Amino acid sequence: MFRTRLMSGIVLVAIALAVLISGGPVLAVTLLLISEIGLFELYRALKLTDEKVFGSSLTLAGYLGTAVYYGIVFCGFWAYTMGGVLAVLIAMMTVYVFTYPRYRTEEVAEAFFGVVYVAVMLSFIYELRCMEQGKYLVWLIFLGSWGCDTCAYCVGKLFGKHKMTPRLSPKKSVEGAVGGVVGAALLGAIYGFAISGAMGSREHIFPFVLICAAASLISMIGDLAASAIKRNHDIKDYGKLIPGHGGILDRFDSVIFIAPVIYYLAQVLV
C-alpha cells in the first residue's frame, strides 16, 4: 500500500510540475478536468448521482456551469466570475422549477455547493498562476498543502499523543498539526531563498513564510471538512482514480481550501 501510494505521489508531482510550468491553456484545461471529476465524486457522495448515471438534469447543470465558469476565467473576464456563479444558481433553480417536484430544495443547495466548493475554489490556482510572478507564487499552494500533510504525518507518527479531532479524524494529533505548520513555514523559507535570484530580491521570503504557515492551518480545515462530508455519507474514499490515495477530492481536499487563501494573501503580502 505504501509503495503504491508513493508511486502515485511521484506521478502526481511530475504531472503538477509539467502543468504548472506550462500554465495557460494546459493549466486551465487540466483544472477543468479535475473540477469535473471532483464534482462527479462529490455528487456521488451526496447521492445526487451514481456509478451508472453520469448526471441528472440538476447535476448536468452543475457540470455545464463549471465549464462555462472556467471559460470566463480562461478568457480573463475575472470581473464577471461572480456573474458566472450566479448564472449557475439561476440555471439550477430553473431546473428545479421546471422539473418540480422531482428535486428537493436540499438537493439544489447541494448541487450548487459542489460547484462553488470544487470548481470555483480550484480555479484560484489558475488565477494565481496568471499573476505577476505567478509562476513562482503558485507553488506556495502545494508547499502549504502537500508539504504540510507530509510534515504533519511524520511529526504525528513520531510524537503524536494528543488527539486533535478524535471523533472526526482519530489519527490526527495536535503535535502533528504543529509540525505541519512549522514544516510548511520552513519549506516556504527554503523556497524563498531558492528563488531569490529569479525574484530579484529576498524581500519575499518572510511573506512566503507567513503565507505557507497560514495556508497550512487552512489546509487542515480543508482536509477535515472533506473527512466530515465522507463520514456524514458513510464512505471511506471519494473514488479510486488515484491508486493509494483514493479520488480527486481525497488528494485535493486541502488544495481546494488554500488556493483562494493564498491568492488573496499573495495580493496583499507579496
Protein backbone atom coordinates (compact mmCIF):
# COMPACT_ATOMS: atom_id res chain seq x y z
CA MET A 1 0.00 0.00 0.00
CA PHE A 2 2.77 2.43 0.93
CA ARG A 3 4.66 1.63 -2.26
CA THR A 4 1.54 2.22 -4.37
CA ARG A 5 0.85 5.48 -2.58
CA LEU A 6 4.46 6.60 -3.03
CA MET A 7 4.50 5.81 -6.75
CA SER A 8 1.19 7.59 -7.27
CA GLY A 9 2.54 10.59 -5.35
CA ILE A 10 5.61 10.76 -7.57
CA VAL A 11 3.43 10.66 -10.70
CA LEU A 12 1.19 13.40 -9.29
CA VAL A 13 4.16 15.63 -8.54
CA ALA A 14 5.54 15.07 -12.05
CA ILE A 15 2.19 15.98 -13.61
CA ALA A 16 1.87 19.03 -11.35
CA LEU A 17 5.34 20.20 -12.38
CA ALA A 18 4.57 19.87 -16.08
CA VAL A 19 1.15 21.52 -15.87
CA LEU A 20 2.10 24.42 -13.58
CA ILE A 21 5.24 25.23 -15.56
CA SER A 22 3.21 25.24 -18.78
CA GLY A 23 0.42 27.41 -17.37
CA GLY A 24 -2.03 28.95 -19.85
CA PRO A 25 -4.45 26.62 -21.67
CA VAL A 26 -2.75 23.47 -20.35
CA LEU A 27 -3.35 24.51 -16.75
CA ALA A 28 -6.88 25.75 -17.45
CA VAL A 29 -7.97 22.54 -19.18
CA THR A 30 -6.32 20.38 -16.51
CA LEU A 31 -8.11 22.26 -13.73
CA LEU A 32 -11.40 21.98 -15.62
CA LEU A 33 -10.99 18.20 -15.89
CA ILE A 34 -10.01 17.90 -12.22
CA SER A 35 -13.00 20.04 -11.25
CA GLU A 36 -15.45 17.99 -13.31
CA ILE A 37 -14.16 14.70 -11.89
CA GLY A 38 -14.13 16.10 -8.36
CA LEU A 39 -17.68 17.40 -8.85
CA PHE A 40 -18.80 13.96 -10.00
CA GLU A 41 -17.19 12.37 -6.93
CA LEU A 42 -18.92 14.85 -4.62
CA TYR A 43 -22.30 14.43 -6.33
CA ARG A 44 -21.95 10.68 -5.99
CA ALA A 45 -21.08 11.00 -2.30
CA LEU A 46 -24.12 13.25 -1.79
CA LYS A 47 -26.23 10.68 -3.71
CA LEU A 48 -27.15 13.17 -6.41
CA THR A 49 -25.83 10.72 -8.98
CA ASP A 50 -24.43 7.17 -9.01
CA GLU A 51 -21.85 4.96 -10.71
CA LYS A 52 -24.06 4.21 -13.73
CA VAL A 53 -25.66 7.60 -14.33
CA PHE A 54 -23.27 10.49 -15.05
CA GLY A 55 -25.89 13.03 -14.18
CA SER A 56 -29.49 14.08 -13.91
CA SER A 57 -30.66 17.42 -15.29
CA LEU A 58 -29.70 19.06 -11.98
CA THR A 59 -26.16 17.68 -11.85
CA LEU A 60 -25.79 18.29 -15.58
CA ALA A 61 -26.40 21.97 -14.86
CA GLY A 62 -23.50 21.73 -12.39
CA TYR A 63 -21.15 20.18 -14.93
CA LEU A 64 -22.09 22.64 -17.68
CA GLY A 65 -21.96 25.55 -15.26
CA THR A 66 -18.43 24.52 -14.26
CA ALA A 67 -17.35 24.50 -17.92
CA VAL A 68 -18.87 27.95 -18.52
CA TYR A 69 -17.27 29.31 -15.36
CA TYR A 70 -13.82 28.11 -16.46
CA GLY A 71 -14.44 29.65 -19.88
CA ILE A 72 -15.00 33.01 -18.17
CA VAL A 73 -11.83 32.60 -16.09
CA PHE A 74 -9.67 31.44 -19.01
CA CYS A 75 -10.80 34.34 -21.20
CA GLY A 76 -9.64 36.72 -18.48
CA PHE A 77 -13.08 38.09 -17.63
CA TRP A 78 -12.38 37.81 -13.89
CA ALA A 79 -14.64 40.74 -13.10
CA TYR A 80 -17.54 38.58 -14.29
CA THR A 81 -16.77 35.41 -12.32
CA MET A 82 -19.40 36.23 -9.71
CA GLY A 83 -21.87 36.63 -12.56
CA GLY A 84 -20.89 33.13 -13.72
CA VAL A 85 -21.51 31.71 -10.26
CA LEU A 86 -24.93 33.40 -10.09
CA ALA A 87 -25.73 32.06 -13.58
CA VAL A 88 -25.10 28.53 -12.30
CA LEU A 89 -27.51 29.13 -9.41
CA ILE A 90 -30.16 30.53 -11.75
CA ALA A 91 -29.72 27.55 -14.10
CA MET A 92 -30.17 25.11 -11.21
CA MET A 93 -33.22 26.95 -9.92
CA THR A 94 -34.65 26.84 -13.45
CA VAL A 95 -34.21 23.06 -13.49
CA TYR A 96 -35.78 22.92 -10.03
CA VAL A 97 -38.84 24.87 -11.18
CA PHE A 98 -39.50 23.15 -14.49
CA THR A 99 -38.98 19.61 -13.18
CA TYR A 100 -40.91 20.17 -9.93
CA PRO A 101 -41.39 18.11 -7.79
CA ARG A 102 -38.52 15.90 -8.96
CA TYR A 103 -35.88 17.60 -6.78
CA ARG A 104 -35.91 18.78 -3.21
CA THR A 105 -34.54 22.16 -2.11
CA GLU A 106 -31.66 20.44 -0.28
CA GLU A 107 -30.58 18.72 -3.49
CA VAL A 108 -30.42 22.04 -5.35
CA ALA A 109 -28.38 23.51 -2.48
CA GLU A 110 -26.00 20.53 -2.53
CA ALA A 111 -25.56 20.71 -6.31
CA PHE A 112 -24.74 24.44 -6.14
CA PHE A 113 -22.44 23.90 -3.16
CA GLY A 114 -20.48 21.38 -5.23
CA VAL A 115 -19.74 23.90 -7.99
CA VAL A 116 -18.50 26.52 -5.51
CA TYR A 117 -16.62 24.07 -3.29
CA VAL A 118 -14.80 22.24 -6.08
CA ALA A 119 -14.73 24.27 -9.30
CA VAL A 120 -14.68 27.87 -8.10
CA MET A 121 -12.14 27.33 -5.33
CA LEU A 122 -9.80 25.30 -7.55
CA SER A 123 -9.91 27.98 -10.25
CA PHE A 124 -7.82 30.23 -7.99
CA ILE A 125 -4.82 28.07 -8.89
CA TYR A 126 -5.13 29.40 -12.44
CA GLU A 127 -5.73 32.97 -11.28
CA LEU A 128 -2.66 32.84 -9.02
CA ARG A 129 -0.57 31.43 -11.87
CA CYS A 130 -1.64 34.38 -14.06
CA MET A 131 -0.49 36.98 -11.52
CA GLU A 132 2.78 38.84 -11.88
CA GLN A 133 5.43 36.43 -10.58
CA GLY A 134 2.64 33.84 -10.59
CA LYS A 135 4.96 31.16 -11.97
CA TYR A 136 6.74 31.33 -8.61
CA LEU A 137 3.79 32.08 -6.34
CA VAL A 138 1.65 29.15 -7.49
CA TRP A 139 3.99 26.64 -5.85
CA LEU A 140 3.09 28.04 -2.43
CA ILE A 141 -0.26 26.25 -2.76
CA PHE A 142 1.41 22.86 -2.84
CA LEU A 143 4.05 23.73 -0.24
CA GLY A 144 1.26 24.79 2.11
CA SER A 145 -0.89 21.77 1.32
CA TRP A 146 1.14 18.69 0.44
CA GLY A 147 4.16 19.96 2.40
CA CYS A 148 2.02 20.44 5.49
CA ASP A 149 0.46 16.97 5.04
CA THR A 150 3.87 15.31 4.86
CA CYS A 151 5.35 17.18 7.83
CA ALA A 152 2.22 16.67 9.95
CA TYR A 153 2.22 12.93 9.16
CA CYS A 154 5.88 12.49 10.09
CA VAL A 155 5.71 14.53 13.32
CA GLY A 156 2.41 12.92 14.28
CA LYS A 157 3.85 9.43 13.81
CA LEU A 158 6.87 10.24 15.96
CA PHE A 159 5.44 12.46 18.69
CA GLY A 160 1.65 12.49 18.36
CA LYS A 161 -0.15 11.95 21.70
CA HIS A 162 -2.99 14.46 21.92
CA LYS A 163 -5.87 13.89 19.51
CA MET A 164 -6.95 16.98 17.60
CA THR A 165 -10.42 15.84 16.45
CA PRO A 166 -10.90 12.37 17.96
CA ARG A 167 -14.44 11.85 16.64
CA LEU A 168 -13.76 13.09 13.12
CA SER A 169 -10.17 12.01 12.43
CA PRO A 170 -8.70 9.95 15.31
CA LYS A 171 -5.24 9.67 13.72
CA LYS A 172 -4.60 13.41 13.59
CA SER A 173 -2.79 14.87 16.59
CA VAL A 174 -2.09 18.34 17.94
CA GLU A 175 1.64 17.61 17.72
CA GLY A 176 1.24 16.65 14.08
CA ALA A 177 -0.68 19.86 13.37
CA VAL A 178 2.07 21.97 14.94
CA GLY A 179 4.66 20.04 12.95
CA GLY A 180 2.67 20.67 9.78
CA VAL A 181 2.55 24.43 10.34
CA VAL A 182 6.23 24.70 11.28
CA GLY A 183 7.25 22.41 8.43
CA ALA A 184 5.24 24.39 5.87
CA ALA A 185 6.73 27.66 7.15
CA LEU A 186 10.26 26.23 6.82
CA LEU A 187 9.51 24.99 3.31
CA GLY A 188 8.28 28.49 2.46
CA ALA A 189 11.55 29.97 3.73
CA ILE A 190 13.68 27.44 1.85
CA TYR A 191 11.69 28.00 -1.34
CA GLY A 192 12.01 31.76 -0.89
CA PHE A 193 15.78 31.53 -0.60
CA ALA A 194 15.95 29.17 -3.57
CA ILE A 195 14.21 31.58 -5.94
CA SER A 196 15.78 34.79 -4.61
CA GLY A 197 17.83 35.17 -7.76
CA ALA A 198 14.84 34.72 -10.03
CA MET A 199 12.66 37.08 -7.96
CA GLY A 200 15.40 39.72 -7.88
CA SER A 201 15.46 40.21 -4.09
CA ARG A 202 14.88 38.49 -0.75
CA GLU A 203 12.03 40.70 0.37
CA HIS A 204 9.51 37.96 -0.43
CA ILE A 205 10.99 35.37 1.97
CA PHE A 206 9.19 36.48 5.13
CA PRO A 207 5.84 36.85 3.30
CA PHE A 208 6.35 33.33 1.92
CA VAL A 209 6.83 32.03 5.47
CA LEU A 210 3.64 33.76 6.63
CA ILE A 211 1.66 32.57 3.63
CA CYS A 212 2.76 28.94 3.99
CA ALA A 213 2.10 28.93 7.74
CA ALA A 214 -1.39 30.42 7.29
CA ALA A 215 -2.11 28.12 4.36
CA SER A 216 -1.11 25.05 6.35
CA LEU A 217 -3.68 25.91 9.03
CA ILE A 218 -6.40 26.34 6.41
CA SER A 219 -5.31 23.13 4.65
CA MET A 220 -6.05 21.16 7.82
CA ILE A 221 -9.57 22.59 7.87
CA GLY A 222 -9.94 21.58 4.23
CA ASP A 223 -8.76 18.06 4.96
CA LEU A 224 -11.09 17.71 7.94
CA ALA A 225 -14.02 19.21 6.03
CA ALA A 226 -13.64 16.58 3.31
CA SER A 227 -13.45 13.89 6.00
CA ALA A 228 -16.60 15.24 7.65
CA ILE A 229 -18.52 15.00 4.37
CA LYS A 230 -17.35 11.40 3.92
CA ARG A 231 -18.37 10.46 7.44
CA ASN A 232 -21.77 12.12 7.03
CA HIS A 233 -22.38 9.94 3.99
CA ASP A 234 -20.68 6.74 5.21
CA ILE A 235 -17.95 6.45 2.56
CA LYS A 236 -14.25 5.75 3.01
CA ASP A 237 -12.91 7.44 -0.13
CA TYR A 238 -14.40 9.68 -2.79
CA GLY A 239 -13.13 7.40 -5.54
CA LYS A 240 -10.40 5.06 -6.76
CA LEU A 241 -8.89 7.14 -9.54
CA ILE A 242 -5.51 7.64 -7.83
CA PRO A 243 -4.08 4.33 -6.53
CA GLY A 244 -3.23 4.53 -2.84
CA HIS A 245 -4.85 7.94 -2.44
CA GLY A 246 -8.48 7.50 -3.48
CA GLY A 247 -10.28 10.02 -5.64
CA ILE A 248 -9.53 13.53 -6.82
CA LEU A 249 -11.16 15.03 -3.72
CA ASP A 250 -9.14 12.76 -1.43
CA ARG A 251 -5.92 14.21 -2.82
CA PHE A 252 -7.00 17.80 -3.48
CA ASP A 253 -9.16 18.38 -0.39
CA SER A 254 -6.68 20.76 1.25
CA VAL A 255 -5.61 22.34 -2.06
CA ILE A 256 -9.24 23.34 -2.66
CA PHE A 257 -9.32 25.34 0.57
CA ILE A 258 -5.96 27.08 0.38
CA ALA A 259 -5.89 28.08 -3.31
CA PRO A 260 -8.14 31.15 -2.77
CA VAL A 261 -6.48 31.92 0.57
CA ILE A 262 -3.00 32.04 -0.95
CA TYR A 263 -4.28 34.04 -3.93
CA TYR A 264 -5.56 36.82 -1.67
CA LEU A 265 -2.61 36.66 0.73
CA ALA A 266 -0.24 36.98 -2.22
CA GLN A 267 -2.17 40.04 -3.42
CA VAL A 268 -1.65 41.69 -0.03
CA LEU A 269 1.78 40.48 1.11
CA VAL A 270 3.96 39.88 -1.94
